[in-house]
Protein backbone atom coordinates (compact mmCIF):
# COMPACT_ATOMS: atom_id res chain seq x y z
CA MET A 1 -233.51 -129.81 -165.69
CA ASP A 2 -237.39 -128.52 -165.57
CA TYR A 3 -237.83 -130.61 -162.16
CA SER A 4 -236.31 -131.49 -158.95
CA LYS A 5 -235.25 -134.98 -157.96
CA ALA A 6 -238.17 -135.09 -155.50
CA ASP A 7 -240.35 -134.28 -158.45
CA ALA A 8 -239.21 -136.66 -160.93
CA LYS A 9 -241.97 -139.21 -161.17
CA ALA A 10 -244.58 -136.45 -161.23
CA TYR A 11 -242.71 -134.67 -163.86
CA ALA A 12 -242.47 -137.68 -166.13
CA LYS A 13 -246.07 -139.00 -165.57
CA GLN A 14 -246.92 -135.58 -167.27
CA HIS A 15 -244.17 -134.95 -169.87
CA PHE A 16 -242.53 -138.47 -170.65
CA LYS A 17 -245.45 -139.71 -172.85
CA GLY A 18 -246.28 -140.32 -176.64
CA LEU A 19 -243.96 -141.79 -179.59
CA TRP A 20 -239.97 -141.59 -178.47
CA ALA A 21 -237.64 -143.09 -181.27
CA ALA A 22 -234.04 -144.42 -181.22
CA ASN A 23 -231.85 -142.64 -183.32
CA LEU A 24 -229.47 -144.50 -185.96
CA THR A 25 -226.12 -142.79 -186.28
CA PRO A 26 -224.95 -141.63 -189.92
CA PHE A 27 -221.23 -142.14 -190.40
CA ASP A 28 -219.73 -140.74 -193.71
CA ALA A 29 -217.59 -142.99 -196.14
CA ALA A 30 -214.47 -142.60 -193.60
CA LEU A 31 -216.89 -143.95 -190.68
CA ARG A 32 -216.52 -140.39 -188.93
CA LEU A 33 -219.71 -138.94 -187.25
CA ASP A 34 -221.54 -137.02 -190.27
CA GLU A 35 -222.69 -134.14 -188.10
CA PRO A 36 -224.69 -132.33 -190.94
CA ALA A 37 -226.66 -135.46 -191.69
CA TYR A 38 -227.23 -136.21 -187.86
CA ARG A 39 -228.54 -133.03 -187.50
CA ASP A 40 -230.65 -133.12 -190.69
CA ASN A 41 -232.32 -136.39 -189.45
CA LEU A 42 -232.75 -134.69 -186.01
CA ARG A 43 -234.68 -131.90 -187.49
CA HIS A 44 -236.86 -134.40 -189.74
CA TRP A 45 -237.67 -136.38 -186.71
CA ILE A 46 -238.41 -133.28 -184.29
CA ARG A 47 -240.04 -130.73 -186.44
CA THR A 48 -241.49 -132.45 -189.73
CA LEU A 49 -242.53 -135.95 -188.06
CA GLY A 50 -243.46 -134.00 -184.65
CA LEU A 51 -242.16 -136.94 -182.20
CA SER A 52 -242.64 -136.49 -178.79
CA GLY A 53 -238.96 -137.32 -177.93
CA LEU A 54 -235.98 -139.11 -178.83
CA PHE A 55 -233.68 -141.72 -177.29
CA ILE A 56 -230.28 -140.92 -178.12
CA ALA A 57 -226.82 -142.83 -178.42
CA GLY A 58 -228.27 -146.32 -177.62
CA LYS A 59 -227.78 -149.55 -179.31
CA GLN A 60 -229.56 -148.65 -182.33
CA ALA A 61 -227.29 -145.78 -182.53
CA GLU A 62 -224.04 -148.19 -182.30
CA PHE A 63 -222.91 -146.65 -179.17
CA PHE A 64 -220.45 -149.59 -178.41
CA SER A 65 -218.46 -148.54 -181.62
CA MET A 66 -218.17 -145.00 -180.38
CA SER A 67 -215.90 -143.02 -178.41
CA VAL A 68 -216.99 -141.36 -175.41
CA PRO A 69 -216.37 -137.85 -177.03
CA GLU A 70 -218.48 -139.10 -179.98
CA ARG A 71 -221.32 -140.41 -177.80
CA LYS A 72 -221.35 -136.97 -175.91
CA ARG A 73 -221.52 -135.03 -179.24
CA LEU A 74 -224.64 -137.26 -180.25
CA MET A 75 -226.34 -135.99 -176.95
CA LEU A 76 -225.30 -132.55 -177.30
CA LEU A 77 -226.62 -132.27 -180.82
CA ALA A 78 -229.82 -133.47 -180.18
CA VAL A 79 -230.47 -131.28 -177.13
CA GLU A 80 -229.72 -128.64 -179.17
CA GLU A 81 -231.82 -129.25 -181.93
CA ALA A 82 -235.00 -130.14 -179.72
CA GLN A 83 -234.31 -126.64 -177.84
CA ALA A 84 -233.84 -124.84 -181.34
CA ALA A 85 -237.39 -126.39 -182.62
CA GLY A 86 -239.09 -124.85 -179.69
CA ASP A 87 -242.78 -125.37 -179.16
CA ARG A 88 -243.18 -126.80 -182.53
CA GLY A 89 -246.29 -124.88 -183.07
CA GLY A 90 -248.09 -126.04 -180.02
CA LEU A 91 -246.74 -129.87 -179.92
CA GLY A 92 -244.73 -128.73 -176.94
CA ARG A 93 -240.71 -129.26 -177.13
CA ALA A 94 -239.13 -132.54 -178.07
CA GLY A 95 -237.78 -134.57 -175.48
CA ILE A 96 -234.42 -136.05 -175.02
CA VAL A 97 -233.53 -139.08 -173.07
CA THR A 98 -229.76 -140.18 -173.62
CA SER A 99 -228.48 -143.59 -173.08
CA CYS A 100 -225.77 -143.75 -170.49
CA SER A 101 -225.39 -147.41 -170.48
CA ASP A 102 -221.98 -149.13 -170.32
CA THR A 103 -220.08 -151.84 -168.55
CA ASN A 104 -218.39 -149.26 -166.55
CA LEU A 105 -220.14 -147.70 -164.04
CA ASP A 106 -217.87 -144.52 -163.71
CA LEU A 107 -218.55 -143.74 -167.41
CA VAL A 108 -222.12 -144.24 -166.78
CA LEU A 109 -222.27 -141.61 -164.13
CA GLU A 110 -219.85 -139.32 -166.21
CA LEU A 111 -222.36 -139.59 -169.18
CA ALA A 112 -225.50 -139.30 -166.97
CA ARG A 113 -223.83 -136.03 -165.09
CA TYR A 114 -222.92 -134.44 -168.74
CA SER A 115 -226.76 -135.23 -169.95
CA GLN A 116 -227.66 -133.40 -166.70
CA ASP A 117 -225.45 -130.36 -167.58
CA ILE A 118 -226.32 -130.04 -171.21
CA GLY A 119 -230.20 -130.09 -170.49
CA ALA A 120 -231.33 -133.47 -171.20
CA ASP A 121 -234.79 -134.41 -169.78
CA TYR A 122 -234.02 -138.20 -168.48
CA VAL A 123 -231.14 -140.74 -168.77
CA VAL A 124 -231.66 -144.33 -169.53
CA ILE A 125 -229.50 -146.92 -168.16
CA HIS A 126 -229.50 -150.46 -168.79
CA SER A 127 -229.04 -152.99 -166.07
CA PRO A 128 -225.51 -154.29 -165.45
CA VAL A 129 -224.26 -157.15 -167.61
CA LEU A 130 -222.98 -159.42 -165.00
CA HIS A 131 -220.66 -162.70 -165.32
CA PHE A 132 -220.49 -166.01 -163.26
CA GLY A 133 -224.19 -166.14 -162.99
CA ALA A 134 -223.97 -163.06 -160.44
CA ASP A 135 -227.74 -161.60 -161.69
CA THR A 136 -228.88 -161.70 -158.15
CA ASP A 137 -231.77 -159.37 -157.31
CA GLU A 138 -229.65 -157.72 -154.64
CA THR A 139 -226.91 -156.74 -157.13
CA ILE A 140 -229.26 -155.31 -159.61
CA PHE A 141 -231.09 -153.25 -157.13
CA GLU A 142 -228.09 -152.05 -155.41
CA TYR A 143 -226.84 -150.64 -158.87
CA TYR A 144 -229.88 -148.74 -159.41
CA ARG A 145 -229.99 -147.72 -155.86
CA TYR A 146 -226.69 -146.06 -156.08
CA LEU A 147 -227.30 -144.56 -159.52
CA SER A 148 -230.30 -143.00 -158.07
CA GLU A 149 -228.42 -141.72 -154.93
CA GLN A 150 -225.73 -140.17 -157.20
CA LEU A 151 -227.82 -138.77 -159.86
CA GLU A 152 -230.52 -135.65 -159.83
CA ILE A 153 -232.11 -136.69 -163.25
CA GLY A 154 -234.78 -138.80 -164.05
CA ILE A 155 -233.69 -142.29 -164.81
CA ALA A 156 -235.56 -145.02 -166.98
CA MET A 157 -234.51 -148.56 -166.40
CA TRP A 158 -233.59 -150.63 -169.53
CA ASN A 159 -233.83 -154.50 -169.22
CA HIS A 160 -233.27 -157.02 -172.41
CA PRO A 161 -232.02 -160.26 -172.71
CA ASP A 162 -228.59 -158.89 -174.03
CA CYS A 163 -227.90 -158.51 -170.46
CA GLY A 164 -227.73 -162.03 -169.74
CA TYR A 165 -231.03 -162.29 -167.96
CA VAL A 166 -234.26 -160.71 -167.75
CA MET A 167 -235.40 -158.97 -164.38
CA SER A 168 -238.54 -160.22 -163.04
CA PRO A 169 -241.57 -157.61 -162.72
CA GLU A 170 -241.33 -157.98 -158.76
CA LEU A 171 -237.49 -156.54 -158.76
CA CYS A 172 -238.42 -153.76 -161.41
CA ALA A 173 -241.15 -152.88 -159.21
CA ARG A 174 -239.16 -152.73 -156.17
CA ILE A 175 -236.47 -150.38 -158.06
CA ALA A 176 -239.45 -148.25 -158.86
CA ASP A 177 -239.84 -146.99 -155.42
CA LEU A 178 -236.28 -145.13 -155.84
CA PRO A 179 -237.23 -141.24 -155.79
CA ASN A 180 -235.83 -140.44 -159.45
CA ILE A 181 -236.61 -143.90 -161.18
CA VAL A 182 -239.53 -142.61 -163.59
CA ALA A 183 -239.66 -145.25 -166.66
CA ILE A 184 -238.51 -148.56 -168.06
CA LYS A 185 -237.86 -149.95 -171.28
CA TYR A 186 -238.72 -153.31 -170.52
CA SER A 187 -237.74 -155.35 -173.59
CA THR A 188 -239.36 -158.67 -172.59
CA ASP A 189 -242.36 -160.70 -173.31
CA ARG A 190 -245.96 -159.02 -172.57
CA ALA A 191 -246.84 -161.30 -169.56
CA ARG A 192 -243.85 -159.61 -167.64
CA TYR A 193 -244.34 -156.00 -168.69
CA LYS A 194 -248.28 -156.46 -167.97
CA ARG A 195 -247.34 -157.56 -164.78
CA LEU A 196 -245.12 -154.92 -164.06
CA THR A 197 -247.86 -152.47 -165.21
CA GLU A 198 -249.89 -153.63 -162.66
CA LEU A 199 -247.41 -153.74 -159.91
CA ALA A 200 -245.65 -150.06 -160.64
CA GLY A 201 -247.49 -148.32 -163.24
CA ASP A 202 -248.61 -145.72 -160.87
CA ARG A 203 -245.05 -144.88 -160.03
CA ILE A 204 -243.22 -145.21 -163.52
CA GLN A 205 -243.94 -145.21 -167.07
CA VAL A 206 -243.73 -149.06 -168.39
CA SER A 207 -242.70 -149.42 -171.92
CA ASN A 208 -241.82 -151.96 -174.50
CA PRO A 209 -240.22 -151.51 -177.99
CA SER A 210 -242.68 -153.52 -180.08
CA GLU A 211 -244.51 -151.20 -182.39
CA GLU A 212 -247.01 -153.88 -183.12
CA GLU A 213 -248.05 -154.11 -179.68
CA TRP A 214 -248.28 -150.62 -179.01
CA LEU A 215 -251.66 -149.85 -179.70
CA ASP A 216 -252.98 -152.70 -177.66
CA ASN A 217 -250.68 -151.63 -174.72
CA ILE A 218 -252.45 -148.02 -174.93
CA ILE A 219 -255.91 -149.55 -175.12
CA GLU A 220 -255.47 -152.75 -172.53
CA LEU A 221 -252.71 -151.36 -170.18
CA GLY A 222 -253.27 -147.73 -170.31
CA TRP A 223 -249.71 -146.91 -171.50
CA THR A 224 -248.98 -143.33 -172.76
CA LEU A 225 -245.30 -143.81 -173.43
CA TYR A 226 -243.55 -145.77 -176.54
CA LEU A 227 -240.07 -145.94 -175.29
CA CYS A 228 -238.44 -146.63 -178.17
CA SER A 229 -237.24 -147.99 -181.25
CA THR A 230 -236.81 -147.00 -184.88
CA PRO A 231 -240.60 -147.53 -186.45
CA PRO A 232 -241.72 -143.95 -185.52
CA PHE A 233 -239.30 -142.91 -188.41
CA LEU A 234 -239.10 -145.84 -190.58
CA LEU A 235 -242.48 -146.40 -190.70
CA GLN A 236 -243.80 -142.58 -191.38
CA THR A 237 -242.66 -139.94 -193.93
CA ALA A 238 -243.49 -136.48 -194.03
CA LEU A 239 -246.88 -136.84 -196.13
CA ASP A 240 -247.54 -140.41 -194.42
CA GLN A 241 -247.73 -140.19 -190.80
CA ARG A 242 -249.85 -143.06 -189.79
CA VAL A 243 -248.07 -144.12 -186.53
CA ASN A 244 -248.84 -140.60 -185.14
CA GLU A 245 -252.46 -140.81 -186.60
CA TYR A 246 -253.38 -144.43 -185.08
CA THR A 247 -251.47 -142.99 -181.61
CA ARG A 248 -253.42 -139.90 -181.62
CA LEU A 249 -256.73 -141.93 -181.98
CA ALA A 250 -255.88 -144.48 -179.52
CA LEU A 251 -254.96 -141.97 -176.79
CA ALA A 252 -258.21 -140.12 -177.70
CA GLY A 253 -260.21 -143.35 -177.07
CA GLN A 254 -260.95 -143.82 -180.80
CA HIS A 255 -260.05 -147.39 -180.84
CA ALA A 256 -261.55 -148.90 -183.89
CA GLN A 257 -260.61 -145.97 -185.87
CA ALA A 258 -256.91 -146.43 -184.47
CA ARG A 259 -257.02 -150.19 -185.17
CA GLN A 260 -257.96 -149.69 -188.80
CA VAL A 261 -255.07 -147.21 -189.40
CA ARG A 262 -252.54 -149.24 -187.51
CA ASP A 263 -253.62 -152.49 -189.52
CA SER A 264 -253.00 -150.48 -192.77
CA LEU A 265 -249.40 -150.24 -191.89
CA ASN A 266 -249.02 -154.03 -192.16
CA PRO A 267 -247.71 -154.25 -195.83
CA VAL A 268 -244.66 -151.89 -194.38
CA ARG A 269 -244.02 -154.02 -191.36
CA GLU A 270 -244.18 -157.25 -193.66
CA ALA A 271 -241.70 -155.64 -196.05
CA ILE A 272 -239.13 -154.68 -193.31
CA ARG A 273 -239.54 -158.16 -191.88
CA LEU A 274 -238.96 -160.05 -195.07
CA SER A 275 -235.95 -157.87 -196.30
CA LYS A 276 -234.12 -157.60 -192.94
CA PRO A 277 -231.23 -160.11 -192.98
CA HIS A 278 -230.35 -161.80 -189.92
CA GLY A 279 -227.88 -160.16 -187.82
CA LYS A 280 -227.97 -156.65 -189.77
CA PRO A 281 -230.58 -154.67 -188.07
CA GLN A 282 -228.88 -151.15 -188.07
CA ALA A 283 -227.45 -151.87 -191.61
CA HIS A 284 -230.88 -152.71 -192.97
CA ALA A 285 -232.72 -149.69 -191.10
CA LYS A 286 -229.99 -147.29 -192.56
CA LEU A 287 -230.75 -148.30 -195.83
CA TRP A 288 -234.13 -148.13 -195.33
CA GLN A 289 -233.79 -144.42 -194.03
CA GLU A 290 -232.00 -143.62 -197.24
CA LEU A 291 -234.92 -144.91 -199.33
CA LEU A 292 -237.18 -142.63 -197.17
CA GLY A 293 -234.94 -139.48 -198.06
CA GLN A 294 -233.26 -139.51 -194.82
CA HIS A 295 -229.37 -140.18 -193.89
CA GLY A 296 -228.37 -143.40 -193.16
CA GLY A 297 -224.84 -144.43 -194.28
CA PRO A 298 -222.69 -147.56 -193.45
CA VAL A 299 -222.25 -148.96 -190.14
CA ARG A 300 -219.15 -149.42 -187.98
CA ARG A 301 -217.55 -152.63 -186.96
CA PRO A 302 -218.00 -155.11 -185.46
CA LEU A 303 -221.35 -154.77 -187.22
CA LEU A 304 -221.25 -155.94 -191.11
CA GLN A 305 -222.55 -153.85 -194.07
CA LEU A 306 -225.50 -155.28 -196.33
CA THR A 307 -224.40 -157.13 -199.43
CA PRO A 308 -225.47 -155.98 -202.81
CA GLN A 309 -227.90 -158.73 -202.83
CA GLU A 310 -229.37 -157.85 -199.57
CA ARG A 311 -229.48 -154.01 -200.56
CA GLU A 312 -231.62 -155.31 -203.96
CA ILE A 313 -234.10 -157.09 -201.69
CA THR A 314 -234.66 -154.52 -199.56
CA GLU A 315 -235.23 -151.90 -202.33
CA ARG A 316 -237.65 -153.93 -204.14
CA ALA A 317 -239.51 -154.48 -200.76
CA PHE A 318 -239.60 -150.84 -199.89
CA ALA A 319 -240.93 -149.95 -203.59
CA GLY A 320 -243.84 -152.16 -202.93
CA CYS A 321 -244.69 -151.30 -199.34
CA GLY A 322 -247.13 -148.62 -199.94
CA LEU A 323 -245.45 -145.79 -197.88
CA ARG A 324 -246.17 -142.35 -199.63
CA LEU A 325 -243.11 -140.27 -200.27
CA ARG A 326 -244.89 -137.56 -202.37
């Protein structure tokens, strides 16, 4: 870590910024982690696309189907590749935030301490999955208070309806007072994340994974962090980096130009939306990666593979989406 626990918030305000993408995990035909393919993807995202950082081993990465050693391996390889890339010609080092979420608190702490030890920049931990209607504010606050007490590394909260509830902006703002809570991936509606920005935007980086709302959130809410999903590498190629471009323009205050570039990607967004079969986001995204020249591969159970028809529909949509490959 390049900061102390006491300085975590200030460090994150300065460094936890820009486009951070959530990795997908390439498996080989035997459903083993394909390390060469993963390293190749990491180098493309870090070096070629120049993304600000990566969100490693989260839901997009299928952490729920992976062993603890596999999850740790994803984290270590990402840290290694970010360090090897160095300053990237003035862009700065790519940051790494590791997803340490789990239903078992001991495992959350094990993964977070491992992340600290290997040199990750931050960890992200989703709010606890609660049962029997036990989603009380005190339960959730105590969960993050205990994590903050036990860990030195900066912690990003993560709340989404999959947990069975949505944290209120007021609860999130209360948790934001804890010393090393530095950000939140708040996967909720705009009214809630706008309110949280008003309440706690001076203490933590507030973000939402909707790429389509990212530009408006820069302009209207003053956001500087996209944390994070797959669009930063699914909507871009080595020769066509319009997400990077409109982000740069917006952060520089050139809003009209940024909107023009952002809107030019609508055919790509529509192609993804219309071709993505219900319930198969990872499988669809992996095929899209392959069409882009990245490594995708199969998904692990309990997820379902694309059918031949679904693959054909996606391939046709990709062919007409307008992304430049060469």
